[in-house]
C-alpha atoms as a PDB file:
ATOM      1  CA  MET A   1      40.311 152.175  76.776  1.00  0.00           C
ATOM      2  CA  LYS A   2      40.560 149.709  79.648  1.00  0.00           C
ATOM      3  CA  ALA A   3      40.397 152.540  82.191  1.00  0.00           C
ATOM      4  CA  PHE A   4      37.311 153.937  80.454  1.00  0.00           C
ATOM      5  CA  LYS A   5      35.622 150.524  80.609  1.00  0.00           C
ATOM      6  CA  PHE A   6      36.397 150.420  84.348  1.00  0.00           C
ATOM      7  CA  PHE A   7      34.821 153.878  84.692  1.00  0.00           C
ATOM      8  CA  ARG A   8      31.649 152.649  82.984  1.00  0.00           C
ATOM      9  CA  VAL A   9      31.500 149.624  85.300  1.00  0.00           C
ATOM     10  CA  VAL A  10      31.907 151.844  88.379  1.00  0.00           C
ATOM     11  CA  LEU A  11      29.147 154.163  87.132  1.00  0.00           C
ATOM     12  CA  ALA A  12      26.848 151.198  86.567  1.00  0.00           C
ATOM     13  CA  LEU A  13      27.596 149.888  90.076  1.00  0.00           C
ATOM     14  CA  VAL A  14      26.927 153.265  91.742  1.00  0.00           C
ATOM     15  CA  HIS A  15      23.748 153.595  89.697  1.00  0.00           C
ATOM     16  CA  LEU A  16      22.568 150.174  90.874  1.00  0.00           C
ATOM     17  CA  ILE A  17      23.388 150.901  94.525  1.00  0.00           C
ATOM     18  CA  LEU A  18      21.436 154.175  94.391  1.00  0.00           C
ATOM     19  CA  LEU A  19      18.509 152.352  92.807  1.00  0.00           C
ATOM     20  CA  ILE A  20      18.524 149.803  95.638  1.00  0.00           C
ATOM     21  CA  PHE A  21      18.647 152.594  98.246  1.00  0.00           C
ATOM     22  CA  LEU A  22      15.735 154.346  96.556  1.00  0.00           C
ATOM     23  CA  PHE A  23      13.711 151.148  96.441  1.00  0.00           C
ATOM     24  CA  PHE A  24      14.160 150.248 100.103  1.00  0.00           C
ATOM     25  CA  ALA A  25      13.756 153.814 101.333  1.00  0.00           C
ATOM     26  CA  SER A  26      10.513 154.098  99.352  1.00  0.00           C
ATOM     27  CA  ILE A  27       9.219 150.865 100.866  1.00  0.00           C
ATOM     28  CA  PHE A  28      10.179 152.051 104.349  1.00  0.00           C
ATOM     29  CA  LEU A  29       8.498 155.414 103.717  1.00  0.00           C
ATOM     30  CA  MET A  30       5.278 153.717 102.582  1.00  0.00           C
ATOM     31  CA  TYR A  31       5.396 151.497 105.675  1.00  0.00           C
ATOM     32  CA  VAL A  32       5.772 154.499 107.965  1.00  0.00           C
ATOM     33  CA  LEU A  33       3.030 156.421 106.142  1.00  0.00           C
ATOM     34  CA  ALA A  34       0.703 153.431 106.456  1.00  0.00           C
ATOM     35  CA  GLY A  35       1.059 153.672 110.217  1.00  0.00           C
ATOM     36  CA  GLY A  36       3.493 150.838 110.709  1.00  0.00           C
ATOM     37  CA  ASN A  37       5.033 150.366 114.124  1.00  0.00           C
ATOM     38  CA  ILE A  38       8.474 151.922 114.206  1.00  0.00           C
ATOM     39  CA  ASN A  39      10.943 149.878 116.196  1.00  0.00           C
ATOM     40  CA  TYR A  40      14.588 150.601 115.670  1.00  0.00           C
ATOM     41  CA  PRO A  41      16.478 147.297 115.622  1.00  0.00           C
ATOM     42  CA  PHE A  42      19.299 149.123 113.877  1.00  0.00           C
ATOM     43  CA  GLU A  43      21.139 152.367 114.438  1.00  0.00           C
ATOM     44  CA  LEU A  44      20.771 154.806 111.564  1.00  0.00           C
ATOM     45  CA  SER A  45      23.765 156.919 112.506  1.00  0.00           C
ATOM     46  CA  PRO A  46      25.118 158.366 115.751  1.00  0.00           C
ATOM     47  CA  ASP A  47      23.877 161.808 114.638  1.00  0.00           C
ATOM     48  CA  ILE A  48      20.426 160.698 113.521  1.00  0.00           C
ATOM     49  CA  VAL A  49      18.047 160.126 116.402  1.00  0.00           C
ATOM     50  CA  PRO A  50      14.491 159.812 115.053  1.00  0.00           C
ATOM     51  CA  ASP A  51      12.571 160.763 118.185  1.00  0.00           C
ATOM     52  CA  SER A  52       9.182 160.921 116.480  1.00  0.00           C
ATOM     53  CA  LYS A  53       7.332 159.740 113.416  1.00  0.00           C
ATOM     54  CA  THR A  54       7.414 163.249 111.962  1.00  0.00           C
ATOM     55  CA  SER A  55      11.181 163.513 112.211  1.00  0.00           C
ATOM     56  CA  LEU A  56      11.579 160.090 110.631  1.00  0.00           C
ATOM     57  CA  LEU A  57       9.242 161.046 107.773  1.00  0.00           C
ATOM     58  CA  SER A  58      11.156 164.292 107.250  1.00  0.00           C
ATOM     59  CA  PHE A  59      14.437 162.445 107.100  1.00  0.00           C
ATOM     60  CA  LEU A  60      13.058 159.794 104.716  1.00  0.00           C
ATOM     61  CA  ILE A  61      11.638 162.394 102.351  1.00  0.00           C
ATOM     62  CA  PHE A  62      14.928 164.317 102.462  1.00  0.00           C
ATOM     63  CA  PHE A  63      16.808 161.094 101.747  1.00  0.00           C
ATOM     64  CA  LEU A  64      14.526 160.200  98.828  1.00  0.00           C
ATOM     65  CA  ILE A  65      14.816 163.639  97.219  1.00  0.00           C
ATOM     66  CA  VAL A  66      18.589 163.794  97.477  1.00  0.00           C
ATOM     67  CA  THR A  67      19.174 160.163  96.501  1.00  0.00           C
ATOM     68  CA  GLY A  68      16.780 160.555  93.575  1.00  0.00           C
ATOM     69  CA  GLY A  69      18.744 163.585  92.401  1.00  0.00           C
ATOM     70  CA  TYR A  70      22.026 161.708  92.565  1.00  0.00           C
ATOM     71  CA  PHE A  71      20.420 158.722  90.828  1.00  0.00           C
ATOM     72  CA  TYR A  72      19.393 160.979  87.954  1.00  0.00           C
ATOM     73  CA  PHE A  73      22.865 162.578  87.890  1.00  0.00           C
ATOM     74  CA  PHE A  74      24.541 159.185  87.592  1.00  0.00           C
ATOM     75  CA  SER A  75      22.018 158.197  84.896  1.00  0.00           C
ATOM     76  CA  ILE A  76      23.201 161.162  82.850  1.00  0.00           C
ATOM     77  CA  LEU A  77      26.844 160.238  83.473  1.00  0.00           C
ATOM     78  CA  ARG A  78      26.167 156.663  82.341  1.00  0.00           C
ATOM     79  CA  LYS A  79      24.624 157.909  79.106  1.00  0.00           C
ATOM     80  CA  LEU A  80      27.617 160.185  78.593  1.00  0.00           C
ATOM     81  CA  ALA A  81      30.063 157.347  79.220  1.00  0.00           C
ATOM     82  CA  GLU A  82      28.248 155.144  76.711  1.00  0.00           C
ATOM     83  CA  SER A  83      28.264 157.885  74.087  1.00  0.00           C
ATOM     84  CA  MET A  84      31.987 158.522  74.585  1.00  0.00           C
ATOM     85  CA  GLY A  85      32.733 155.062  73.186  1.00  0.00           C
ATOM     86  CA  GLY A  86      31.755 156.228  69.691  1.00  0.00           C
ATOM     87  CA  LYS A  87      32.148 159.690  68.201  1.00  0.00           C
ATOM     88  CA  LEU A  88      33.383 162.576  70.313  1.00  0.00           C
ATOM     89  CA  PHE A  89      32.178 166.180  70.390  1.00  0.00           C
ATOM     90  CA  THR A  90      28.558 165.423  69.562  1.00  0.00           C
ATOM     91  CA  LYS A  91      25.565 167.585  70.367  1.00  0.00           C
ATOM     92  CA  ASP A  92      24.296 165.048  72.932  1.00  0.00           C
ATOM     93  CA  GLN A  93      27.624 165.002  74.767  1.00  0.00           C
ATOM     94  CA  VAL A  94      27.730 168.792  74.980  1.00  0.00           C
ATOM     95  CA  ARG A  95      24.142 168.894  76.230  1.00  0.00           C
ATOM     96  CA  GLY A  96      24.764 166.035  78.692  1.00  0.00           C
ATOM     97  CA  LEU A  97      27.865 167.632  80.211  1.00  0.00           C
ATOM     98  CA  ARG A  98      26.148 170.975  80.637  1.00  0.00           C
ATOM     99  CA  TYR A  99      23.045 169.360  82.117  1.00  0.00           C
ATOM    100  CA  ALA A 100      25.065 167.150  84.481  1.00  0.00           C
ATOM    101  CA  GLY A 101      26.980 170.204  85.743  1.00  0.00           C
ATOM    102  CA  ARG A 102      23.834 172.223  86.346  1.00  0.00           C
ATOM    103  CA  LEU A 103      22.109 169.265  87.968  1.00  0.00           C
ATOM    104  CA  LEU A 104      24.985 168.622  90.382  1.00  0.00           C
ATOM    105  CA  ILE A 105      25.066 172.262  91.446  1.00  0.00           C
ATOM    106  CA  PHE A 106      21.265 172.261  91.846  1.00  0.00           C
ATOM    107  CA  ILE A 107      21.296 169.033  93.886  1.00  0.00           C
ATOM    108  CA  THR A 108      23.976 170.481  96.155  1.00  0.00           C
ATOM    109  CA  ILE A 109      21.974 173.644  96.773  1.00  0.00           C
ATOM    110  CA  ILE A 110      18.736 171.706  97.389  1.00  0.00           C
ATOM    111  CA  GLU A 111      20.507 169.241  99.684  1.00  0.00           C
ATOM    112  CA  ASN A 112      21.942 172.014 101.845  1.00  0.00           C
ATOM    113  CA  PHE A 113      18.656 173.911 101.892  1.00  0.00           C
ATOM    114  CA  LEU A 114      16.670 170.832 102.914  1.00  0.00           C
ATOM    115  CA  ALA A 115      19.287 169.871 105.505  1.00  0.00           C
ATOM    116  CA  PHE A 116      18.977 173.317 107.037  1.00  0.00           C
ATOM    117  CA  ILE A 117      15.166 173.282 106.991  1.00  0.00           C
ATOM    118  CA  ILE A 118      14.960 169.783 108.484  1.00  0.00           C
ATOM    119  CA  SER A 119      17.485 170.542 111.207  1.00  0.00           C
ATOM    120  CA  LEU A 120      15.514 173.562 112.463  1.00  0.00           C
ATOM    121  CA  PRO A 121      12.487 171.930 114.119  1.00  0.00           C
ATOM    122  CA  PHE A 122      14.100 168.571 114.834  1.00  0.00           C
ATOM    123  CA  ALA A 123      17.213 168.965 116.910  1.00  0.00           C
ATOM    124  CA  GLY A 124      17.825 165.215 116.775  1.00  0.00           C
ATOM    125  CA  ILE A 125      18.425 165.141 113.037  1.00  0.00           C
ATOM    126  CA  ASN A 126      21.816 166.100 111.749  1.00  0.00           C
ATOM    127  CA  THR A 127      22.126 165.445 108.033  1.00  0.00           C
ATOM    128  CA  GLY A 128      25.914 165.524 108.192  1.00  0.00           C
ATOM    129  CA  PHE A 129      26.451 167.570 105.046  1.00  0.00           C
ATOM    130  CA  SER A 130      29.407 169.893 105.477  1.00  0.00           C
ATOM    131  CA  PHE A 131      30.404 173.135 103.816  1.00  0.00           C
ATOM    132  CA  SER A 132      33.550 171.578 102.340  1.00  0.00           C
ATOM    133  CA  GLU A 133      31.447 168.907 100.613  1.00  0.00           C
ATOM    134  CA  MET A 134      29.202 171.618  99.237  1.00  0.00           C
ATOM    135  CA  LEU A 135      32.212 173.420  97.784  1.00  0.00           C
ATOM    136  CA  LEU A 136      33.589 170.180  96.337  1.00  0.00           C
ATOM    137  CA  TYR A 137      30.309 169.239  94.631  1.00  0.00           C
ATOM    138  CA  THR A 138      29.796 172.769  93.364  1.00  0.00           C
ATOM    139  CA  GLY A 139      33.355 172.759  92.016  1.00  0.00           C
ATOM    140  CA  ILE A 140      32.776 169.443  90.246  1.00  0.00           C
ATOM    141  CA  GLY A 141      29.548 170.835  88.786  1.00  0.00           C
ATOM    142  CA  CYS A 142      31.406 173.912  87.535  1.00  0.00           C
ATOM    143  CA  PHE A 143      34.095 171.663  86.052  1.00  0.00           C
ATOM    144  CA  LEU A 144      31.416 169.726  84.158  1.00  0.00           C
ATOM    145  CA  LEU A 145      30.026 173.027  82.850  1.00  0.00           C
ATOM    146  CA  VAL A 146      33.486 174.073  81.654  1.00  0.00           C
ATOM    147  CA  LEU A 147      34.012 170.637  80.107  1.00  0.00           C
ATOM    148  CA  GLY A 148      30.689 171.078  78.309  1.00  0.00           C
ATOM    149  CA  GLU A 149      31.954 174.365  76.861  1.00  0.00           C
ATOM    150  CA  VAL A 150      35.208 172.678  75.793  1.00  0.00           C
ATOM    151  CA  PHE A 151      33.186 169.984  74.041  1.00  0.00           C
ATOM    152  CA  ALA A 152      31.016 172.660  72.379  1.00  0.00           C
ATOM    153  CA  ARG A 153      34.115 174.354  70.968  1.00  0.00           C
ATOM    154  CA  GLY A 154      35.551 170.992  69.988  1.00  0.00           C
ATOM    155  CA  LYS A 155      32.323 170.254  68.130  1.00  0.00           C
ATOM    156  CA  VAL A 156      32.616 173.525  66.195  1.00  0.00           C
ATOM    157  CA  TYR A 157      36.275 172.852  65.335  1.00  0.00           C
ATOM    158  CA  LYS A 158      35.432 169.297  64.297  1.00  0.00           C
ATOM    159  CA  GLU A 159      32.666 170.530  61.984  1.00  0.00           C
ATOM    160  CA  GLU A 160      35.004 173.139  60.476  1.00  0.00           C
ATOM    161  CA  ASN A 161      37.690 170.509  59.963  1.00  0.00           C
ATOM    162  CA  GLU A 162      35.242 168.172  58.238  1.00  0.00           C
ATOM    163  CA  LEU A 163      34.175 170.962  55.876  1.00  0.00           C
ATOM    164  CA  THR A 164      37.736 171.865  54.863  1.00  0.00           C
ATOM    165  CA  VAL A 165      38.793 168.308  54.044  1.00  0.00           C
END
């Protein structure tokens, strides 16, 4: 159970980091929308060159959508990890695993679609999302869907076992 407690701590830490990113990106987006002067005292990334306010707004909105999706995904995983400490093969765990799998696949598709759309008019923005990452995230999402089905069958077997005893 020590490894599972470590997993819950890591999930809580990732959840907190994503929340901090969302908070500061939202503040920066509001500042840019309010017409704030954009000076770049920092380098975003070697691939990201915000050459105009529009490209910066596009990138910030893209970042907020994707980070918000991952924040929600990790929220679901945290709830699942907390519920795994008690009974196993519950209805909520089955639903959570299936939902987390679908959400991860959906986030991956949306992230790639938005990266493609944003990179069309603004040659300076490269979101850096690769095809291999897309396959990895889609594979993890499919694994969560399969795990949800395993938990659904385990729930049925558990209920049958409780009735026979």
